Amino acid sequence: MPSLLGIDNGLTVTKAVIFDADGTQLSVARRRVPQSMPHARWVERDMAGLWQATADAIKEAIALCGRPADDIRAVAATAHGDGLYLLDKDRRPLGPGILSLDSRSGEIVERWSAERVFEEALARTGQAPHVSAPSALLAWIRKNQPDRYGRIGHILACKDWLRFCLSGTIGTDRTEASTSFTDFRTQAFAPEAMRIFGLDDLFDALPPMAHSAEIVGHVTAEAAEMTGLSKGTPVACGLHDVTASALGMGGHEEGVLAIVAGTYSINEVVSSEPRVDPRWFCRNAIDAGRWNNMAISPASTANYDWFLDTFCRSEQDKTGADGGSIHDLLAAEIDAALKKPSTILFHPYLFGSPFGDVASGSFVGLHGWHNRGDMLKAVLEGIAFNHRTHVEALREGFAISEIRLTGGGSRNPAFVQMFADVLNAPVTITSTDEAAAFGAALCAGAAVGIFATPQQGARQVGMTARQYEPVPASSAVFNERFSLYGRIAGALEPHWPEIEKLARPDTGGTA
């Protein structure tokens, strides 16, 4: 049976996953990719280092698979969306890649929100710009790094950089293209969209657009040597990781609300016609004539990871040395906290929020008798509440018949049950462990004719599913707590700018 390679590059880890054509996962290899934060709000990484780490992961996945590399019929990549990966006119990296956690353009976006830019962008592109959008980052570079700006030859996303490293070809797909510069009506790049942000002179630097399941090149000799792949292996265009995750769990379909509880809070639903609202991004789906409506914020399990890094470092070091799991170690603390009432509410706005990047995270109702488990429970609840904020918006705009969940949090049954109770709706998880990588693999399979379409591939592989039903009593409690959570956030909103000023140099504060 032929196999397929899906590459999934997140904000901290790059993964190579090999699947059988029937969807069975054969092997997975991971490499951590270091982030650089040279200044407050800057989050970057070395582009060459990212490719080397990915190549190493591919080579290990092939070795673990136990099959020859020429069994792999095709490869496709997915990666974190938004952010910016630039090449100069000689197709060389132009500085480090900028991740979607970067918020250096905050002042620019704040100014745009006070002007007509938000209104014009929403009317043309179907979305308002945010701090890690390519539009905002390019505007920041134009203002602060004019020499770098003048040398821009190609504007890429992360997965497009990996595609270039694999095949030597430059381009993007429909889902990635719509992060800033497409007209939502035509779903194509529009000079008018660039003009809104004062980036007219970069229109020719935008990459050619192809279907996610279109063969756009073949593995080069250099890439084959680095990765262990066979030279000439077809490379499909790939797709934005938000869409890949939905596809990989069978959720890139009309009527299905796909939730990804990862670094970002991702909540999305496909529609057959565009519907624009400031509460979500109206972006391109995989196929022409379909739209992916995404309500997102960088406010999901990144908060949980921060808590572990900040308050559970010794336990992480111990489990890392022993080969255990920090999540298993803390499970008893969390379970005990879940069984008792608590006054603690947590707003998971450490890296961003539905209110923009000026918001900040907070524990409210914390007392001296609370312990770490109580705080962890509040963090998980706050994450679920933030997803509910986005889900409620999408429920108002679209008919939703099913909710599916993936992401790191979906591996914890207690967390999934919390989602069902918080949303007061059944929540389905699937057997697909690496949903985003599988979404990329489905595109690779469709590109070489193993599947008629990526969506058809997702339907025919026979992934198993488990549904969690809401518990009415728990839903009632969470509903009351969510209402208070929202009211407190509303009360804090006017004070967040004041808090932010405390960290500015002219006030004597520190970041």
Protein backbone atom coordinates (compact mmCIF):
# COMPACT_ATOMS: atom_id res chain seq x y z
CA MET A 1 0.00 0.00 0.00
CA PRO A 2 1.39 3.44 -0.88
CA SER A 3 2.12 5.93 1.89
CA LEU A 4 1.90 9.71 2.21
CA LEU A 5 3.99 12.24 4.10
CA GLY A 6 2.37 15.15 5.91
CA ILE A 7 4.54 17.86 7.43
CA ASP A 8 3.07 19.94 10.23
CA ASN A 9 5.07 22.91 11.46
CA GLY A 10 3.67 24.63 14.53
CA LEU A 11 4.97 27.51 16.58
CA THR A 12 7.42 25.42 18.61
CA VAL A 13 7.62 21.97 17.02
CA THR A 14 7.94 20.70 13.46
CA LYS A 15 6.61 17.21 12.74
CA ALA A 16 6.88 14.70 9.93
CA VAL A 17 4.16 12.07 9.88
CA ILE A 18 3.87 9.15 7.46
CA PHE A 19 0.42 7.65 6.84
CA ASP A 20 -0.82 4.63 4.94
CA ALA A 21 -3.31 5.47 2.22
CA ASP A 22 -6.03 4.10 4.51
CA GLY A 23 -5.22 6.75 7.12
CA THR A 24 -3.18 4.55 9.46
CA GLN A 25 -0.35 6.48 11.06
CA LEU A 26 2.92 4.64 10.41
CA SER A 27 5.46 6.92 12.06
CA VAL A 28 5.97 10.38 13.47
CA ALA A 29 9.11 12.35 14.24
CA ARG A 30 9.36 15.72 15.95
CA ARG A 31 11.95 18.42 16.31
CA ARG A 32 11.71 21.47 18.54
CA VAL A 33 12.39 24.72 16.70
CA PRO A 34 13.80 27.46 18.96
CA GLN A 35 12.09 30.83 19.04
CA SER A 36 13.96 34.10 19.30
CA MET A 37 12.53 37.09 21.17
CA PRO A 38 15.14 39.85 20.67
CA HIS A 39 12.71 42.56 21.77
CA ALA A 40 9.41 42.71 23.62
CA ARG A 41 6.59 41.57 21.30
CA TRP A 42 9.00 40.10 18.70
CA VAL A 43 8.71 36.33 18.15
CA GLU A 44 10.95 34.99 15.38
CA ARG A 45 12.94 31.96 14.28
CA ASP A 46 15.74 31.19 11.88
CA MET A 47 14.39 30.03 8.52
CA ALA A 48 17.37 27.83 7.66
CA GLY A 49 17.22 26.25 11.11
CA LEU A 50 13.53 25.54 10.64
CA TRP A 51 14.19 23.74 7.37
CA GLN A 52 17.08 21.73 8.86
CA ALA A 53 14.90 20.65 11.80
CA THR A 54 12.11 19.65 9.41
CA ALA A 55 14.51 17.71 7.19
CA ASP A 56 15.85 15.87 10.23
CA ALA A 57 12.31 14.99 11.30
CA ILE A 58 11.49 13.66 7.83
CA LYS A 59 14.61 11.49 7.81
CA GLU A 60 13.76 10.04 11.22
CA ALA A 61 10.10 9.41 10.26
CA ILE A 62 11.25 7.45 7.20
CA ALA A 63 13.64 5.39 9.34
CA LEU A 64 10.92 4.68 11.91
CA CYS A 65 8.39 3.78 9.23
CA GLY A 66 10.21 0.60 8.24
CA ARG A 67 9.42 1.09 4.59
CA PRO A 68 11.61 2.43 1.78
CA ALA A 69 11.37 6.12 0.97
CA ASP A 70 10.08 5.39 -2.54
CA ASP A 71 6.87 4.00 -0.99
CA ILE A 72 5.95 7.62 -0.24
CA ARG A 73 3.81 8.65 -3.20
CA ALA A 74 3.57 12.36 -2.37
CA VAL A 75 4.28 14.95 0.30
CA ALA A 76 2.56 18.15 1.42
CA ALA A 77 3.17 20.62 4.22
CA THR A 78 1.01 22.63 6.53
CA ALA A 79 2.22 25.18 9.05
CA HIS A 80 1.17 28.01 11.31
CA GLY A 81 -0.70 30.66 9.36
CA ASP A 82 -0.21 34.41 9.32
CA GLY A 83 3.21 35.65 10.35
CA LEU A 84 5.75 36.33 7.60
CA TYR A 85 8.55 34.47 5.82
CA LEU A 86 10.32 36.71 3.32
CA LEU A 87 12.73 35.96 0.48
CA ASP A 88 14.81 38.54 -1.32
CA LYS A 89 14.89 38.86 -5.09
CA ASP A 90 17.53 36.11 -5.24
CA ARG A 91 15.18 33.80 -3.34
CA ARG A 92 17.24 33.83 -0.15
CA PRO A 93 15.77 34.30 3.35
CA LEU A 94 15.39 37.99 4.14
CA GLY A 95 15.84 37.96 7.89
CA PRO A 96 14.22 35.56 10.35
CA GLY A 97 10.72 34.21 9.94
CA ILE A 98 8.11 36.06 11.99
CA LEU A 99 5.67 33.87 13.90
CA SER A 100 1.98 34.44 14.45
CA LEU A 101 2.65 35.11 18.15
CA ASP A 102 4.50 38.31 17.19
CA SER A 103 2.76 41.56 18.15
CA ARG A 104 5.31 44.24 17.23
CA SER A 105 2.80 45.89 14.91
CA GLY A 106 0.39 46.65 17.76
CA GLU A 107 0.65 50.45 17.44
CA ILE A 108 0.06 50.26 13.68
CA VAL A 109 -3.04 48.11 14.12
CA GLU A 110 -4.25 50.41 16.88
CA ARG A 111 -3.89 53.39 14.55
CA TRP A 112 -5.64 51.51 11.74
CA SER A 113 -8.54 50.74 14.06
CA ALA A 114 -8.97 54.45 14.75
CA GLU A 115 -8.92 55.28 11.05
CA ARG A 116 -10.96 53.75 8.21
CA VAL A 117 -8.52 50.94 7.51
CA PHE A 118 -10.49 48.35 9.54
CA GLU A 119 -13.70 49.29 7.80
CA GLU A 120 -12.13 49.22 4.32
CA ALA A 121 -10.30 45.95 4.98
CA LEU A 122 -13.45 44.24 6.23
CA ALA A 123 -15.38 45.41 3.17
CA ARG A 124 -12.71 44.26 0.73
CA THR A 125 -10.91 41.29 2.32
CA GLY A 126 -13.61 39.99 4.68
CA GLN A 127 -11.50 40.53 7.77
CA ALA A 128 -9.97 43.27 9.87
CA PRO A 129 -6.17 43.18 10.23
CA HIS A 130 -4.57 41.93 13.42
CA VAL A 131 -1.07 42.24 14.85
CA SER A 132 0.42 39.11 13.21
CA ALA A 133 -1.34 39.50 9.86
CA PRO A 134 1.03 39.83 6.89
CA SER A 135 -0.50 43.25 6.17
CA ALA A 136 0.39 44.62 9.61
CA LEU A 137 3.86 43.05 9.71
CA LEU A 138 4.75 44.36 6.25
CA ALA A 139 3.56 47.82 7.26
CA TRP A 140 5.79 47.62 10.33
CA ILE A 141 8.79 46.59 8.22
CA ARG A 142 8.12 49.41 5.77
CA LYS A 143 8.17 51.92 8.64
CA ASN A 144 10.98 50.50 10.78
CA GLN A 145 13.21 48.51 8.40
CA PRO A 146 13.03 50.35 5.05
CA ASP A 147 16.15 48.67 3.67
CA ARG A 148 14.71 45.21 4.32
CA TYR A 149 11.39 46.31 2.88
CA GLY A 150 13.06 47.45 -0.34
CA ARG A 151 14.73 44.06 -0.80
CA ILE A 152 11.54 41.98 -0.55
CA GLY A 153 11.22 39.65 -3.51
CA HIS A 154 8.69 37.07 -2.33
CA ILE A 155 6.09 37.12 0.45
CA LEU A 156 5.56 33.63 1.83
CA ALA A 157 3.88 31.87 4.72
CA CYS A 158 5.68 29.23 6.77
CA LYS A 159 4.42 26.20 4.85
CA ASP A 160 5.29 27.93 1.56
CA TRP A 161 8.89 28.24 2.76
CA LEU A 162 8.97 24.50 3.46
CA ARG A 163 7.48 23.80 0.03
CA PHE A 164 10.24 25.95 -1.51
CA CYS A 165 12.89 24.02 0.41
CA LEU A 166 11.45 20.71 -0.77
CA SER A 167 10.80 21.55 -4.40
CA GLY A 168 12.51 24.84 -5.28
CA THR A 169 9.17 26.29 -6.42
CA ILE A 170 7.50 29.42 -5.08
CA GLY A 171 3.77 29.72 -4.50
CA THR A 172 0.90 29.36 -2.07
CA ASP A 173 -2.59 27.91 -1.91
CA ARG A 174 -6.05 29.48 -1.67
CA THR A 175 -6.37 29.10 2.12
CA GLU A 176 -3.03 30.74 2.89
CA ALA A 177 -3.46 33.46 0.28
CA SER A 178 -6.52 34.84 2.04
CA THR A 179 -4.75 35.89 5.25
CA SER A 180 -4.63 39.55 4.13
CA PHE A 181 -4.68 40.40 0.45
CA THR A 182 -7.54 38.62 -1.33
CA ASP A 183 -10.92 40.06 -2.25
CA PHE A 184 -13.39 37.77 -0.46
CA ARG A 185 -15.76 37.95 -3.45
CA THR A 186 -13.27 36.79 -6.10
CA GLN A 187 -11.04 34.81 -3.69
CA ALA A 188 -8.05 36.14 -5.65
CA PHE A 189 -5.28 38.57 -4.80
CA ALA A 190 -6.47 42.14 -5.34
CA PRO A 191 -4.32 45.27 -5.83
CA GLU A 192 -7.06 47.19 -4.02
CA ALA A 193 -6.46 45.06 -0.93
CA MET A 194 -2.76 45.96 -0.94
CA ARG A 195 -3.63 49.62 -1.40
CA ILE A 196 -5.69 49.69 1.81
CA PHE A 197 -2.50 49.06 3.79
CA GLY A 198 -0.20 51.22 1.68
CA LEU A 199 1.58 48.18 0.25
CA ASP A 200 0.82 48.72 -3.45
CA ASP A 201 4.45 48.34 -4.48
CA LEU A 202 4.57 44.75 -3.16
CA PHE A 203 1.75 43.29 -5.24
CA ASP A 204 4.20 41.54 -7.59
CA ALA A 205 5.90 39.92 -4.58
CA LEU A 206 2.76 37.93 -3.77
CA PRO A 207 3.16 34.24 -4.69
CA PRO A 208 1.25 32.40 -7.43
CA MET A 209 -1.82 30.59 -6.12
CA ALA A 210 -2.66 26.90 -6.65
CA HIS A 211 -5.15 24.38 -5.24
CA SER A 212 -4.03 22.70 -2.01
CA ALA A 213 -4.11 19.29 -3.74
CA GLU A 214 -2.26 20.39 -6.88
CA ILE A 215 1.22 19.05 -7.62
CA VAL A 216 3.45 22.14 -7.60
CA GLY A 217 6.88 20.55 -7.85
CA HIS A 218 9.02 17.54 -7.00
CA VAL A 219 11.59 16.84 -4.32
CA THR A 220 14.93 18.20 -5.50
CA ALA A 221 18.24 16.36 -5.30
CA GLU A 222 19.38 18.64 -2.48
CA ALA A 223 16.19 18.13 -0.50
CA ALA A 224 16.36 14.36 -1.09
CA GLU A 225 19.87 14.24 0.36
CA MET A 226 18.80 16.22 3.45
CA THR A 227 15.54 14.37 4.12
CA GLY A 228 16.02 10.85 2.82
CA LEU A 229 13.06 11.28 0.46
CA SER A 230 13.35 9.98 -3.07
CA LYS A 231 14.31 12.60 -5.61
CA GLY A 232 11.31 13.45 -7.79
CA THR A 233 8.64 12.64 -5.17
CA PRO A 234 5.61 14.84 -6.00
CA VAL A 235 5.07 17.83 -3.73
CA ALA A 236 1.50 19.09 -3.33
CA CYS A 237 0.74 22.72 -2.57
CA GLY A 238 -0.47 22.16 1.00
CA LEU A 239 -2.61 24.43 3.14
CA HIS A 240 -2.93 26.67 6.20
CA ASP A 241 -2.75 24.60 9.40
CA VAL A 242 -6.11 25.82 10.68
CA THR A 243 -7.79 24.35 7.62
CA ALA A 244 -5.56 21.28 7.69
CA SER A 245 -6.64 20.46 11.25
CA ALA A 246 -10.31 20.72 10.34
CA LEU A 247 -9.78 18.58 7.24
CA GLY A 248 -7.78 15.99 9.17
CA MET A 249 -10.62 15.40 11.65
CA GLY A 250 -13.33 15.34 8.97
CA GLY A 251 -14.51 18.84 9.85
CA HIS A 252 -13.88 20.84 6.67
CA GLU A 253 -17.53 20.45 5.67
CA GLU A 254 -20.57 22.72 5.72
CA GLY A 255 -22.51 22.53 8.96
CA VAL A 256 -19.56 21.23 10.99
CA LEU A 257 -17.98 23.54 13.55
CA ALA A 258 -14.32 22.56 13.84
CA ILE A 259 -12.54 23.61 17.02
CA VAL A 260 -8.76 23.45 17.38
CA ALA A 261 -7.61 23.86 20.97
CA GLY A 262 -3.95 24.51 20.26
CA THR A 263 -1.74 27.53 20.77
CA TYR A 264 -4.51 29.57 19.16
CA SER A 265 -8.20 29.33 19.88
CA ILE A 266 -9.44 28.23 16.46
CA ASN A 267 -13.14 27.92 15.67
CA GLU A 268 -14.25 27.55 12.05
CA VAL A 269 -17.11 26.59 9.80
CA VAL A 270 -17.30 26.23 6.00
CA SER A 271 -20.01 28.03 4.02
CA SER A 272 -21.08 28.07 0.38
CA GLU A 273 -21.39 31.84 0.36
CA PRO A 274 -19.34 34.56 2.03
CA ARG A 275 -20.66 36.18 5.18
CA VAL A 276 -18.63 39.07 6.59
CA ASP A 277 -18.67 40.04 10.25
CA PRO A 278 -15.99 41.72 12.40
CA ARG A 279 -16.15 38.79 14.83
CA TRP A 280 -14.64 36.33 12.36
CA PHE A 281 -12.37 36.13 9.32
CA CYS A 282 -14.13 35.30 6.07
CA ARG A 283 -11.29 33.43 4.35
CA ASN A 284 -10.98 30.99 1.48
CA ALA A 285 -11.77 27.32 1.97
CA ILE A 286 -9.84 24.67 0.07
CA ASP A 287 -12.12 24.77 -2.97
CA ALA A 288 -13.19 27.76 -5.03
CA GLY A 289 -16.68 28.91 -4.15
CA ARG A 290 -16.34 27.84 -0.53
CA TRP A 291 -15.38 30.04 2.40
CA ASN A 292 -13.81 29.18 5.74
CA ASN A 293 -15.22 31.43 8.46
CA MET A 294 -12.73 31.54 11.31
CA ALA A 295 -13.21 33.11 14.74
CA ILE A 296 -9.78 33.01 16.37
CA SER A 297 -7.53 34.49 19.01
CA PRO A 298 -4.10 33.49 20.39
CA ALA A 299 -5.76 32.47 23.65
CA SER A 300 -6.04 28.73 23.97
CA THR A 301 -3.59 26.10 25.28
CA ALA A 302 -0.63 28.52 25.08
CA ASN A 303 -1.96 29.65 28.47
CA TYR A 304 -1.75 26.09 29.83
CA ASP A 305 1.80 25.74 28.49
CA TRP A 306 2.74 29.05 30.14
CA PHE A 307 1.37 27.82 33.47
CA LEU A 308 3.39 24.61 33.24
CA ASP A 309 6.58 26.46 32.27
CA THR A 310 6.12 29.02 35.04
CA PHE A 311 4.79 27.01 37.98
CA CYS A 312 5.64 23.39 37.20
CA ARG A 313 9.22 23.61 35.96
CA SER A 314 10.72 21.10 38.40
CA GLU A 315 8.00 18.56 37.61
CA GLN A 316 8.55 19.08 33.88
CA ASP A 317 12.27 18.50 34.30
CA LYS A 318 11.61 15.35 36.31
CA THR A 319 9.12 13.82 33.90
CA GLY A 320 11.35 14.80 30.99
CA ALA A 321 14.25 12.93 32.55
CA ASP A 322 12.10 9.91 33.45
CA GLY A 323 10.29 9.79 30.11
CA GLY A 324 6.97 10.47 31.80
CA SER A 325 4.23 12.98 31.07
CA ILE A 326 3.73 16.21 33.01
CA HIS A 327 0.06 16.04 32.02
CA ASP A 328 -0.35 12.61 33.64
CA LEU A 329 1.50 13.83 36.73
CA LEU A 330 -0.86 16.77 37.17
CA ALA A 331 -4.04 14.86 36.30
CA ALA A 332 -4.83 14.03 39.93
CA GLU A 333 -4.53 17.69 40.96
CA ILE A 334 -6.82 18.79 38.15
CA ASP A 335 -9.34 16.00 38.78
CA ALA A 336 -9.54 16.92 42.47
CA ALA A 337 -10.09 20.57 41.57
CA LEU A 338 -12.83 19.68 39.07
CA LYS A 339 -14.84 17.97 41.80
CA LYS A 340 -15.20 21.04 43.99
CA PRO A 341 -16.59 24.55 43.47
CA SER A 342 -14.17 27.42 43.09
CA THR A 343 -14.27 31.20 43.07
CA ILE A 344 -11.34 31.46 40.64
CA LEU A 345 -11.92 32.73 37.11
CA PHE A 346 -9.07 33.06 34.62
CA HIS A 347 -8.99 35.24 31.51
CA PRO A 348 -6.61 33.48 29.08
CA TYR A 349 -5.29 36.62 27.43
CA LEU A 350 -1.56 36.12 28.01
CA PHE A 351 -0.70 36.30 24.30
CA GLY A 352 -3.80 37.92 22.84
CA SER A 353 -7.57 37.92 23.06
CA PRO A 354 -10.82 38.58 21.19
CA PHE A 355 -10.37 42.16 22.43
CA GLY A 356 -7.03 42.59 20.64
CA ASP A 357 -3.46 42.47 21.89
CA VAL A 358 -3.92 45.19 24.52
CA ALA A 359 -5.83 42.81 26.82
CA SER A 360 -3.94 40.95 29.53
CA GLY A 361 -4.55 37.72 31.39
CA SER A 362 -5.83 37.67 34.95
CA PHE A 363 -6.82 35.42 37.82
CA VAL A 364 -9.90 36.76 39.62
CA GLY A 365 -11.30 35.37 42.87
CA LEU A 366 -7.97 33.87 43.97
CA HIS A 367 -7.53 33.24 47.72
CA GLY A 368 -4.77 31.96 49.94
CA TRP A 369 -6.44 28.60 50.44
CA HIS A 370 -6.43 27.80 46.74
CA ASN A 371 -3.74 25.47 45.41
CA ARG A 372 -2.09 24.80 42.08
CA GLY A 373 -4.79 22.38 41.01
CA ASP A 374 -7.46 25.03 41.55
CA MET A 375 -5.51 27.44 39.38
CA LEU A 376 -4.96 24.82 36.68
CA LYS A 377 -8.67 24.09 36.60
CA ALA A 378 -9.35 27.81 36.17
CA VAL A 379 -6.84 28.00 33.30
CA LEU A 380 -8.53 25.12 31.47
CA GLU A 381 -11.97 26.60 32.10
CA GLY A 382 -10.81 30.01 30.85
CA ILE A 383 -9.54 28.39 27.66
CA ALA A 384 -12.92 26.71 27.10
CA PHE A 385 -14.71 29.99 27.86
CA ASN A 386 -12.61 31.82 25.28
CA HIS A 387 -13.54 29.20 22.67
CA ARG A 388 -17.20 29.66 23.64
CA THR A 389 -16.90 33.40 22.98
CA HIS A 390 -15.95 32.62 19.39
CA VAL A 391 -18.36 29.71 19.01
CA GLU A 392 -21.34 31.85 20.04
CA ALA A 393 -20.50 34.33 17.30
CA LEU A 394 -20.36 31.59 14.66
CA ARG A 395 -23.58 30.03 15.90
CA GLU A 396 -25.31 33.34 15.23
CA GLY A 397 -24.05 33.42 11.64
CA PHE A 398 -24.20 29.81 10.45
CA ALA A 399 -26.29 26.67 10.77
CA ILE A 400 -24.21 24.20 12.79
CA SER A 401 -25.21 20.55 13.17
CA GLU A 402 -22.03 19.07 14.65
CA ILE A 403 -19.05 20.20 16.72
CA ARG A 404 -15.67 18.49 16.36
CA LEU A 405 -12.61 19.12 18.52
CA THR A 406 -8.89 18.53 17.98
CA GLY A 407 -5.64 19.92 19.33
CA GLY A 408 -3.52 18.97 22.32
CA GLY A 409 -6.39 19.48 24.74
CA SER A 410 -8.57 16.92 22.98
CA ARG A 411 -6.34 14.11 24.32
CA ASN A 412 -7.64 14.76 27.85
CA PRO A 413 -11.14 13.28 28.34
CA ALA A 414 -11.89 15.60 31.28
CA PHE A 415 -11.02 18.62 29.14
CA VAL A 416 -13.22 17.40 26.27
CA GLN A 417 -16.11 16.86 28.69
CA MET A 418 -15.56 20.39 29.96
CA PHE A 419 -15.92 21.65 26.37
CA ALA A 420 -19.20 19.76 25.95
CA ASP A 421 -20.51 21.18 29.22
CA VAL A 422 -19.29 24.74 28.53
CA LEU A 423 -20.78 24.73 25.00
CA ASN A 424 -23.87 22.79 26.15
CA ALA A 425 -23.63 20.65 23.03
CA PRO A 426 -22.25 17.24 22.02
CA VAL A 427 -18.56 17.37 21.10
CA THR A 428 -16.92 14.77 18.85
CA ILE A 429 -13.26 13.82 18.80
CA THR A 430 -11.75 11.47 16.21
CA SER A 431 -9.04 8.84 16.24
CA THR A 432 -6.74 11.07 14.19
CA ASP A 433 -3.87 11.89 16.52
CA GLU A 434 -2.04 14.27 14.17
CA ALA A 435 -4.96 16.01 12.49
CA ALA A 436 -3.05 18.83 10.79
CA ALA A 437 -0.39 16.53 9.36
CA PHE A 438 -3.13 14.16 8.19
CA GLY A 439 -4.89 17.10 6.51
CA ALA A 440 -1.68 17.81 4.59
CA ALA A 441 -1.35 14.11 3.73
CA LEU A 442 -4.93 14.06 2.40
CA CYS A 443 -3.99 16.88 0.02
CA ALA A 444 -0.90 14.95 -1.05
CA GLY A 445 -3.03 11.85 -1.66
CA ALA A 446 -5.60 13.76 -3.71
CA ALA A 447 -2.80 15.32 -5.75
CA VAL A 448 -1.64 11.90 -6.98
CA GLY A 449 -5.12 10.40 -7.41
CA ILE A 450 -5.34 8.24 -4.29
CA PHE A 451 -8.39 10.28 -3.27
CA ALA A 452 -10.82 12.13 -5.52
CA THR A 453 -10.58 15.18 -3.27
CA PRO A 454 -9.02 15.84 0.15
CA GLN A 455 -12.51 15.93 1.70
CA GLN A 456 -13.45 12.63 0.06
CA GLY A 457 -10.26 11.16 1.45
CA ALA A 458 -11.24 12.26 4.95
CA ARG A 459 -14.63 10.55 4.53
CA GLN A 460 -13.28 7.25 3.21
CA VAL A 461 -10.41 6.51 5.60
CA GLY A 462 -12.81 5.34 8.29
CA MET A 463 -11.59 7.34 11.27
CA THR A 464 -13.34 6.37 14.48
CA ALA A 465 -15.07 9.00 16.59
CA ARG A 466 -16.21 9.42 20.18
CA GLN A 467 -18.92 11.82 21.22
CA TYR A 468 -19.10 13.56 24.60
CA GLU A 469 -22.57 14.62 25.72
CA PRO A 470 -23.08 17.67 27.94
CA VAL A 471 -24.16 17.09 31.54
CA PRO A 472 -27.10 19.48 32.15
CA ALA A 473 -26.16 20.27 35.76
CA SER A 474 -22.57 21.05 34.81
CA SER A 475 -23.68 23.14 31.83
CA ALA A 476 -25.88 25.24 34.11
CA VAL A 477 -22.94 25.96 36.44
CA PHE A 478 -20.60 26.79 33.57
CA ASN A 479 -23.23 29.02 31.99
CA GLU A 480 -23.44 31.12 35.15
CA ARG A 481 -19.65 31.27 35.46
CA PHE A 482 -19.25 32.18 31.77
CA SER A 483 -21.66 35.08 32.20
CA LEU A 484 -19.62 36.45 35.12
CA TYR A 485 -16.36 35.81 33.21
CA GLY A 486 -17.68 37.95 30.35
CA ARG A 487 -18.89 40.75 32.60
CA ILE A 488 -15.55 40.95 34.37
CA ALA A 489 -13.70 41.07 31.05
CA GLY A 490 -16.00 43.90 29.95
CA ALA A 491 -15.26 45.79 33.17
CA LEU A 492 -11.51 45.35 32.71
CA GLU A 493 -11.48 46.36 29.05
CA PRO A 494 -11.22 50.16 29.58
CA HIS A 495 -8.33 49.63 32.01
CA TRP A 496 -6.14 47.41 29.81
CA PRO A 497 -4.59 50.37 27.92
CA GLU A 498 -3.73 51.98 31.26
CA ILE A 499 -2.09 48.77 32.45
CA GLU A 500 -0.13 48.54 29.20
CA LYS A 501 1.25 52.05 29.69
CA LEU A 502 2.89 50.96 32.92
CA ALA A 503 5.40 48.95 30.86
CA ARG A 504 6.37 51.76 28.49
CA PRO A 505 9.87 53.24 28.95
CA ASP A 506 8.63 56.82 29.44
CA THR A 507 6.70 55.74 32.56
CA GLY A 508 9.60 53.95 34.19
CA GLY A 509 7.81 50.62 33.94
CA THR A 510 9.14 47.31 32.68
CA ALA A 511 7.68 44.86 30.21
